[in-house]
């Protein structure tokens, strides 16, 4: 099964991807490497999706993850 191209993704999915991308620098600023930040996001995507829909900012989510 081929991966969807970005053009095929719905607006909510694109917004979630953007939110996660915005979260990465906050995780890195808190001491994670970029790879660790990306791994964290991949491993915790369900919880992060909930936070996204609950209106948590990327910075708030990163602080909670690092705390």
C-alpha atoms as a PDB file:
ATOM      1  CA  UNK A   1       0.000   0.000   0.000  1.00  0.00           C
ATOM      2  CA  UNK A   2       1.499   3.296  -1.074  1.00  0.00           C
ATOM      3  CA  UNK A   3       1.701   6.239   1.288  1.00  0.00           C
ATOM      4  CA  UNK A   4      -0.731   9.045   0.652  1.00  0.00           C
ATOM      5  CA  UNK A   5       0.665  12.120  -0.965  1.00  0.00           C
ATOM      6  CA  UNK A   6       0.269  15.304   1.032  1.00  0.00           C
ATOM      7  CA  UNK A   7      -2.262  16.551  -1.541  1.00  0.00           C
ATOM      8  CA  UNK A   8      -4.488  13.560  -0.741  1.00  0.00           C
ATOM      9  CA  UNK A   9      -4.687  14.323   2.982  1.00  0.00           C
ATOM     10  CA  UNK A  10      -7.674  16.063   4.494  1.00  0.00           C
ATOM     11  CA  UNK A  11      -7.256  19.512   6.105  1.00  0.00           C
ATOM     12  CA  UNK A  12      -7.519  18.161   9.661  1.00  0.00           C
ATOM     13  CA  UNK A  13      -4.729  15.650   9.062  1.00  0.00           C
ATOM     14  CA  UNK A  14      -2.556  18.354   7.536  1.00  0.00           C
ATOM     15  CA  UNK A  15      -3.236  20.587  10.550  1.00  0.00           C
ATOM     16  CA  UNK A  16      -2.239  17.754  12.921  1.00  0.00           C
ATOM     17  CA  UNK A  17       0.986  17.172  10.986  1.00  0.00           C
ATOM     18  CA  UNK A  18       1.751  20.900  11.166  1.00  0.00           C
ATOM     19  CA  UNK A  19       1.009  20.897  14.917  1.00  0.00           C
ATOM     20  CA  UNK A  20       3.438  18.011  15.461  1.00  0.00           C
ATOM     21  CA  UNK A  21       6.046  19.766  13.333  1.00  0.00           C
ATOM     22  CA  UNK A  22       5.645  22.862  15.507  1.00  0.00           C
ATOM     23  CA  UNK A  23       6.061  20.703  18.624  1.00  0.00           C
ATOM     24  CA  UNK A  24       9.467  19.312  17.579  1.00  0.00           C
ATOM     25  CA  UNK A  25      11.530  22.450  18.322  1.00  0.00           C
ATOM     26  CA  UNK A  26      10.028  22.691  21.804  1.00  0.00           C
ATOM     27  CA  UNK A  27      11.044  19.097  22.522  1.00  0.00           C
ATOM     28  CA  UNK A  28      14.532  19.802  21.189  1.00  0.00           C
ATOM     29  CA  UNK A  29      14.791  22.979  23.271  1.00  0.00           C
ATOM     30  CA  UNK A  30      13.906  20.845  26.277  1.00  0.00           C
ATOM     31  CA  UNK A  31      16.843  18.517  25.676  1.00  0.00           C
ATOM     32  CA  UNK A  32      15.690  15.930  23.147  1.00  0.00           C
ATOM     33  CA  UNK A  33      17.538  15.344  19.909  1.00  0.00           C
ATOM     34  CA  UNK A  34      15.549  15.816  16.714  1.00  0.00           C
ATOM     35  CA  UNK A  35      15.434  12.039  16.245  1.00  0.00           C
ATOM     36  CA  UNK A  36      14.209  11.561  19.826  1.00  0.00           C
ATOM     37  CA  UNK A  37      11.542  14.224  19.294  1.00  0.00           C
ATOM     38  CA  UNK A  38      10.355  12.571  16.092  1.00  0.00           C
ATOM     39  CA  UNK A  39      10.364   9.129  17.717  1.00  0.00           C
ATOM     40  CA  UNK A  40       8.367  10.482  20.650  1.00  0.00           C
ATOM     41  CA  UNK A  41       5.771  11.953  18.330  1.00  0.00           C
ATOM     42  CA  UNK A  42       5.475   8.718  16.338  1.00  0.00           C
ATOM     43  CA  UNK A  43       5.190   6.576  19.474  1.00  0.00           C
ATOM     44  CA  UNK A  44       2.626   8.862  21.141  1.00  0.00           C
ATOM     45  CA  UNK A  45       0.573  10.017  18.158  1.00  0.00           C
ATOM     46  CA  UNK A  46      -2.754   8.869  19.622  1.00  0.00           C
ATOM     47  CA  UNK A  47      -2.293  10.890  22.813  1.00  0.00           C
ATOM     48  CA  UNK A  48      -0.926  13.847  20.854  1.00  0.00           C
ATOM     49  CA  UNK A  49      -3.908  13.708  18.501  1.00  0.00           C
ATOM     50  CA  UNK A  50      -6.193  13.971  21.529  1.00  0.00           C
ATOM     51  CA  UNK A  51      -4.222  16.962  22.773  1.00  0.00           C
ATOM     52  CA  UNK A  52      -4.422  18.582  19.326  1.00  0.00           C
ATOM     53  CA  UNK A  53      -8.214  18.235  19.270  1.00  0.00           C
ATOM     54  CA  UNK A  54      -8.434  19.438  22.879  1.00  0.00           C
ATOM     55  CA  UNK A  55      -6.767  22.691  21.815  1.00  0.00           C
ATOM     56  CA  UNK A  56      -3.451  22.134  23.569  1.00  0.00           C
ATOM     57  CA  UNK A  57      -0.685  24.181  21.948  1.00  0.00           C
ATOM     58  CA  UNK A  58       2.440  22.450  20.631  1.00  0.00           C
ATOM     59  CA  UNK A  59       4.473  24.206  23.333  1.00  0.00           C
ATOM     60  CA  UNK A  60       2.126  23.053  26.097  1.00  0.00           C
ATOM     61  CA  UNK A  61       2.208  19.481  24.791  1.00  0.00           C
ATOM     62  CA  UNK A  62       6.013  19.507  24.674  1.00  0.00           C
ATOM     63  CA  UNK A  63       6.248  20.885  28.214  1.00  0.00           C
ATOM     64  CA  UNK A  64       3.904  18.148  29.452  1.00  0.00           C
ATOM     65  CA  UNK A  65       5.956  15.511  27.646  1.00  0.00           C
ATOM     66  CA  UNK A  66       9.202  16.787  29.109  1.00  0.00           C
ATOM     67  CA  UNK A  67       7.797  17.325  32.580  1.00  0.00           C
END
